[in-house]
Protein backbone atom coordinates (compact mmCIF):
# COMPACT_ATOMS: atom_id res chain seq x y z
CA MET A 1 101.94 -103.53 30.62
CA ASN A 2 100.76 -99.93 30.91
CA ILE A 3 97.77 -97.74 30.24
CA THR A 4 98.00 -94.03 29.54
CA VAL A 5 95.70 -91.65 31.41
CA ASN A 6 96.04 -87.89 31.00
CA ASP A 7 99.54 -88.33 29.50
CA LYS A 8 100.66 -90.40 32.51
CA GLN A 9 101.76 -94.01 32.22
CA ILE A 10 99.98 -96.26 34.74
CA GLU A 11 101.55 -99.67 35.28
CA THR A 12 99.37 -102.77 35.21
CA ASN A 13 100.22 -106.44 35.57
CA GLU A 14 99.85 -109.03 32.81
CA ASN A 15 96.13 -109.39 33.63
CA GLY A 16 95.42 -105.64 33.53
CA TYR A 17 95.27 -105.00 37.30
CA LEU A 18 96.98 -101.90 38.69
CA VAL A 19 100.43 -102.54 40.12
CA ASN A 20 100.01 -99.59 42.53
CA ALA A 21 96.54 -99.06 44.03
CA GLU A 22 97.48 -95.42 44.71
CA ASP A 23 97.39 -94.79 40.94
CA TRP A 24 93.60 -95.31 40.88
CA ASN A 25 91.12 -92.50 40.30
CA GLN A 26 87.93 -92.19 38.25
CA GLU A 27 89.83 -91.36 35.06
CA VAL A 28 91.97 -94.47 35.51
CA ALA A 29 88.80 -96.49 36.14
CA LYS A 30 87.30 -95.20 32.90
CA ALA A 31 90.46 -96.16 30.99
CA LEU A 32 90.46 -99.63 32.57
CA ALA A 33 86.77 -100.04 31.72
CA GLU A 34 87.42 -98.98 28.15
CA SER A 35 90.17 -101.60 27.92
CA GLN A 36 87.52 -104.12 29.00
CA GLY A 37 85.03 -102.85 26.40
CA LEU A 38 82.75 -101.23 29.00
CA ASP A 39 81.14 -97.80 29.18
CA LEU A 40 80.51 -97.10 32.85
CA THR A 41 76.99 -96.26 34.02
CA ASP A 42 75.78 -95.28 37.49
CA ARG A 43 75.15 -98.94 38.25
CA HIS A 44 78.71 -99.86 37.30
CA TRP A 45 79.94 -97.14 39.66
CA ASP A 46 77.68 -98.45 42.45
CA VAL A 47 79.32 -101.88 42.18
CA ILE A 48 82.84 -100.44 41.87
CA ASN A 49 82.39 -98.10 44.83
CA TYR A 50 80.89 -100.92 46.91
CA LEU A 51 83.88 -103.17 46.19
CA ARG A 52 86.36 -100.39 46.94
CA SER A 53 84.61 -99.63 50.23
CA GLU A 54 84.61 -103.30 51.21
CA TYR A 55 88.28 -103.66 50.38
CA PHE A 56 89.61 -100.47 51.94
CA ASP A 57 87.19 -100.18 54.88
CA ASN A 58 86.74 -103.88 55.71
CA ASN A 59 90.23 -105.36 56.03
CA GLY A 60 90.76 -106.28 52.37
CA ASN A 61 87.39 -107.99 51.92
CA GLN A 62 86.65 -108.93 48.30
CA PRO A 63 83.01 -110.06 48.14
CA ASN A 64 81.92 -112.73 45.70
CA ASN A 65 79.12 -112.33 43.15
CA ARG A 66 76.42 -113.71 45.45
CA ILE A 67 77.19 -111.19 48.18
CA MET A 68 77.49 -108.40 45.61
CA ALA A 69 74.01 -109.24 44.28
CA LYS A 70 72.51 -109.06 47.78
CA GLU A 71 74.17 -105.71 48.48
CA MET A 72 73.13 -104.23 45.13
CA SER A 73 69.53 -105.36 45.80
CA LYS A 74 69.61 -103.27 48.97
CA LEU A 75 71.23 -100.31 47.24
CA TRP A 76 68.89 -100.40 44.25
CA SER A 77 65.69 -100.05 46.30
CA GLY A 78 65.01 -103.72 46.80
CA GLU A 79 65.24 -104.62 43.11
CA LYS A 80 65.85 -108.34 42.63
CA VAL A 81 69.51 -108.51 41.65
CA ASN A 82 71.08 -111.83 40.77
CA ALA A 83 74.24 -113.07 39.10
CA SER A 84 72.70 -112.46 35.67
CA THR A 85 72.18 -108.79 36.52
CA LEU A 86 75.83 -108.48 37.53
CA PHE A 87 77.05 -110.35 34.44
CA ASP A 88 75.05 -107.91 32.29
CA LEU A 89 77.14 -105.12 33.83
CA PHE A 90 80.47 -106.97 34.06
CA PRO A 91 80.52 -109.91 31.62
CA GLY A 92 84.07 -110.93 32.56
CA THR A 93 83.18 -112.36 36.02
CA PRO A 94 81.65 -109.42 37.92
CA SER A 95 83.63 -109.59 41.18
CA LYS A 96 86.94 -109.77 39.32
CA GLN A 97 86.22 -107.38 36.45
CA ALA A 98 84.66 -104.74 38.72
CA GLY A 99 87.62 -105.14 41.10
CA LEU A 100 90.07 -104.63 38.24
CA ILE A 101 88.28 -101.43 37.16
CA GLY A 102 88.08 -100.37 40.81
CA GLY A 103 91.85 -100.58 41.17
CA LEU A 104 91.78 -103.49 43.61
CA PRO A 105 94.41 -106.23 43.75
CA GLU A 106 93.77 -109.31 41.69
CA SER A 107 91.64 -111.81 43.59
CA MET A 108 92.99 -115.34 43.60
CA ARG A 109 89.59 -116.72 44.62
CA LYS A 110 88.23 -119.30 42.16
CA GLY A 111 84.81 -118.81 40.63
CA GLY A 112 82.19 -116.20 41.40
CA TYR A 113 80.73 -117.86 44.50
């Protein structure tokens, strides 16, 4: 399975995740989001950038939805963020869908918590 970004074929697996993490950039993220029916806002980017930072700077850590909500509460000036807030942004299981758009490997963790 492939997506095309700027006339370049980017390989994805059967679930839409990038085969090569090095292929990721913001244009690829936008194409992946579009394939998921999402139009990325600043809040989407906050979640995506958080997950990328956790993965690449914290030994492959892939936080679950509960941890993501806590971290977004901090980032968004103490706003009460819960799973519902994250599902509004990423309706296809936030930790997994945001990770897919962020170019991270597919998480084999079950559930959002």
